[in-house]
């Protein structure tokens, strides 16, 4: 995979993330008048995560969805939450960052980790194929 293709995936991943955030919030606002706020939040979260799976499968990585990928995909959200939470704590407690800005910085820091994990889940073998391609390119340039 070329650098351009990788950058394209990263751009599409960020675009899907923005759309997914808006989708989540829109669903939450639609459900909120009809159910308790936490139920609305939870349902919106699950529906947005399902939408994110399909957007990332078809648009970001251009791969075929499977049940295995679908069942593993929530790990990306758990990873995102853990990294953002740890980052938020570190930025506020150790770096003294303003609590209104720190969540945004922590979210940006989490993007590469979430991207790599989602790519590993949705495009199995992509990293191995790239390593093999790089090794092959190195061998042919020496040959």
Protein backbone atom coordinates (compact mmCIF):
# COMPACT_ATOMS: atom_id res chain seq x y z
CA UNK A 1 0.00 0.00 0.00
CA UNK A 2 1.41 3.37 -0.98
CA UNK A 3 1.77 6.39 1.32
CA UNK A 4 -0.99 8.07 -0.65
CA UNK A 5 -3.34 5.14 -0.04
CA UNK A 6 -2.49 5.19 3.68
CA UNK A 7 -3.14 8.93 3.89
CA UNK A 8 -6.42 8.38 2.09
CA UNK A 9 -7.44 5.81 4.68
CA UNK A 10 -6.50 8.16 7.51
CA UNK A 11 -8.51 10.99 5.93
CA UNK A 12 -11.53 8.74 5.38
CA UNK A 13 -11.20 7.42 8.96
CA UNK A 14 -11.28 10.98 10.33
CA UNK A 15 -14.24 11.85 8.09
CA UNK A 16 -16.15 8.78 9.28
CA UNK A 17 -15.33 9.76 12.87
CA UNK A 18 -16.81 13.20 12.36
CA UNK A 19 -19.92 11.83 10.68
CA UNK A 20 -20.26 9.21 13.39
CA UNK A 21 -20.03 11.81 16.15
CA UNK A 22 -22.76 13.86 14.49
CA UNK A 23 -24.88 10.75 13.96
CA UNK A 24 -24.51 9.75 17.59
CA UNK A 25 -25.49 13.19 18.83
CA UNK A 26 -28.44 13.44 16.44
CA UNK A 27 -29.79 10.05 17.50
CA UNK A 28 -29.30 10.98 21.15
CA UNK A 29 -31.26 14.22 20.69
CA UNK A 30 -34.06 12.39 18.87
CA UNK A 31 -34.36 9.69 21.54
CA UNK A 32 -33.88 11.89 24.59
CA UNK A 33 -37.47 13.24 24.75
CA UNK A 34 -38.85 9.69 24.63
CA UNK A 35 -36.68 7.88 27.16
CA UNK A 36 -34.36 8.52 30.10
CA UNK A 37 -31.15 10.29 29.06
CA UNK A 38 -28.85 7.36 29.84
CA UNK A 39 -30.99 4.94 27.83
CA UNK A 40 -31.00 7.42 24.95
CA UNK A 41 -27.22 7.80 25.26
CA UNK A 42 -26.65 4.02 25.32
CA UNK A 43 -28.92 3.29 22.38
CA UNK A 44 -27.42 6.15 20.36
CA UNK A 45 -23.93 4.87 21.18
CA UNK A 46 -24.73 1.34 19.99
CA UNK A 47 -26.48 2.52 16.82
CA UNK A 48 -23.63 4.93 16.00
CA UNK A 49 -21.07 2.16 16.59
CA UNK A 50 -22.94 -0.12 14.15
CA UNK A 51 -23.01 2.71 11.62
CA UNK A 52 -19.31 3.33 12.20
CA UNK A 53 -18.56 -0.33 11.53
CA UNK A 54 -20.26 -0.24 8.14
CA UNK A 55 -18.86 3.18 7.16
CA UNK A 56 -15.34 2.08 8.07
CA UNK A 57 -15.74 -1.29 6.39
CA UNK A 58 -17.10 0.00 3.08
CA UNK A 59 -15.71 3.55 2.89
CA UNK A 60 -12.51 3.80 4.96
CA UNK A 61 -10.93 0.41 4.30
CA UNK A 62 -13.02 -0.76 1.33
CA UNK A 63 -13.33 -4.28 2.59
CA UNK A 64 -16.09 -6.82 3.10
CA UNK A 65 -17.91 -6.91 6.45
CA UNK A 66 -18.00 -10.22 8.30
CA UNK A 67 -19.55 -11.32 11.58
CA UNK A 68 -16.08 -11.78 13.09
CA UNK A 69 -15.12 -8.20 12.22
CA UNK A 70 -18.46 -6.96 13.50
CA UNK A 71 -18.01 -8.72 16.85
CA UNK A 72 -14.40 -7.48 17.25
CA UNK A 73 -15.12 -3.89 16.20
CA UNK A 74 -16.29 -2.71 19.68
CA UNK A 75 -12.69 -3.20 20.83
CA UNK A 76 -11.85 -0.03 18.91
CA UNK A 77 -14.30 1.93 21.07
CA UNK A 78 -12.91 0.42 24.27
CA UNK A 79 -9.38 1.30 23.16
CA UNK A 80 -10.44 4.82 22.27
CA UNK A 81 -12.10 5.27 25.67
CA UNK A 82 -9.10 3.93 27.62
CA UNK A 83 -6.56 6.05 25.73
CA UNK A 84 -8.68 9.18 25.95
CA UNK A 85 -9.36 8.65 29.65
CA UNK A 86 -5.70 8.04 30.49
CA UNK A 87 -4.68 10.96 28.31
CA UNK A 88 -7.24 13.24 29.93
CA UNK A 89 -6.03 12.30 33.39
CA UNK A 90 -2.37 12.79 32.45
CA UNK A 91 -2.95 16.10 30.69
CA UNK A 92 -4.96 17.56 33.56
CA UNK A 93 -3.10 16.06 36.52
CA UNK A 94 0.51 16.03 35.34
CA UNK A 95 0.59 18.64 32.60
CA UNK A 96 -1.82 21.07 34.25
CA UNK A 97 -3.88 21.50 31.08
CA UNK A 98 -7.24 23.25 31.23
CA UNK A 99 -10.08 20.73 31.69
CA UNK A 100 -12.03 22.36 28.84
CA UNK A 101 -9.23 21.74 26.32
CA UNK A 102 -7.70 18.48 27.58
CA UNK A 103 -10.49 16.19 26.28
CA UNK A 104 -9.95 17.48 22.74
CA UNK A 105 -6.20 16.95 22.94
CA UNK A 106 -6.71 13.46 24.39
CA UNK A 107 -9.15 12.64 21.58
CA UNK A 108 -6.62 13.70 18.93
CA UNK A 109 -3.90 11.62 20.61
CA UNK A 110 -6.18 8.56 20.55
CA UNK A 111 -6.88 8.74 16.80
CA UNK A 112 -3.75 6.89 15.58
CA UNK A 113 -4.27 4.05 18.07
CA UNK A 114 -7.93 3.68 17.16
CA UNK A 115 -7.08 3.87 13.45
CA UNK A 116 -4.46 1.13 13.69
CA UNK A 117 -6.69 -1.16 15.74
CA UNK A 118 -9.72 -0.66 13.49
CA UNK A 119 -7.52 -1.33 10.47
CA UNK A 120 -6.15 -4.51 12.06
CA UNK A 121 -9.70 -5.73 12.76
CA UNK A 122 -11.31 -4.70 9.48
CA UNK A 123 -8.39 -5.48 7.14
CA UNK A 124 -6.75 -8.59 8.61
CA UNK A 125 -3.32 -9.24 7.18
CA UNK A 126 -2.85 -5.68 5.91
CA UNK A 127 0.17 -5.06 8.15
CA UNK A 128 1.78 -8.40 7.19
CA UNK A 129 1.24 -7.70 3.49
CA UNK A 130 2.85 -4.25 3.83
CA UNK A 131 5.83 -5.70 5.72
CA UNK A 132 6.31 -8.35 3.04
CA UNK A 133 6.05 -5.68 0.34
CA UNK A 134 8.66 -3.51 2.11
CA UNK A 135 11.01 -6.46 2.61
CA UNK A 136 10.61 -7.41 -1.05
CA UNK A 137 11.27 -3.85 -2.17
CA UNK A 138 14.39 -3.71 -0.01
CA UNK A 139 15.67 -7.00 -1.41
CA UNK A 140 15.06 -5.97 -5.00
CA UNK A 141 16.84 -2.63 -4.52
CA UNK A 142 19.92 -4.46 -3.19
CA UNK A 143 19.83 -7.15 -5.87
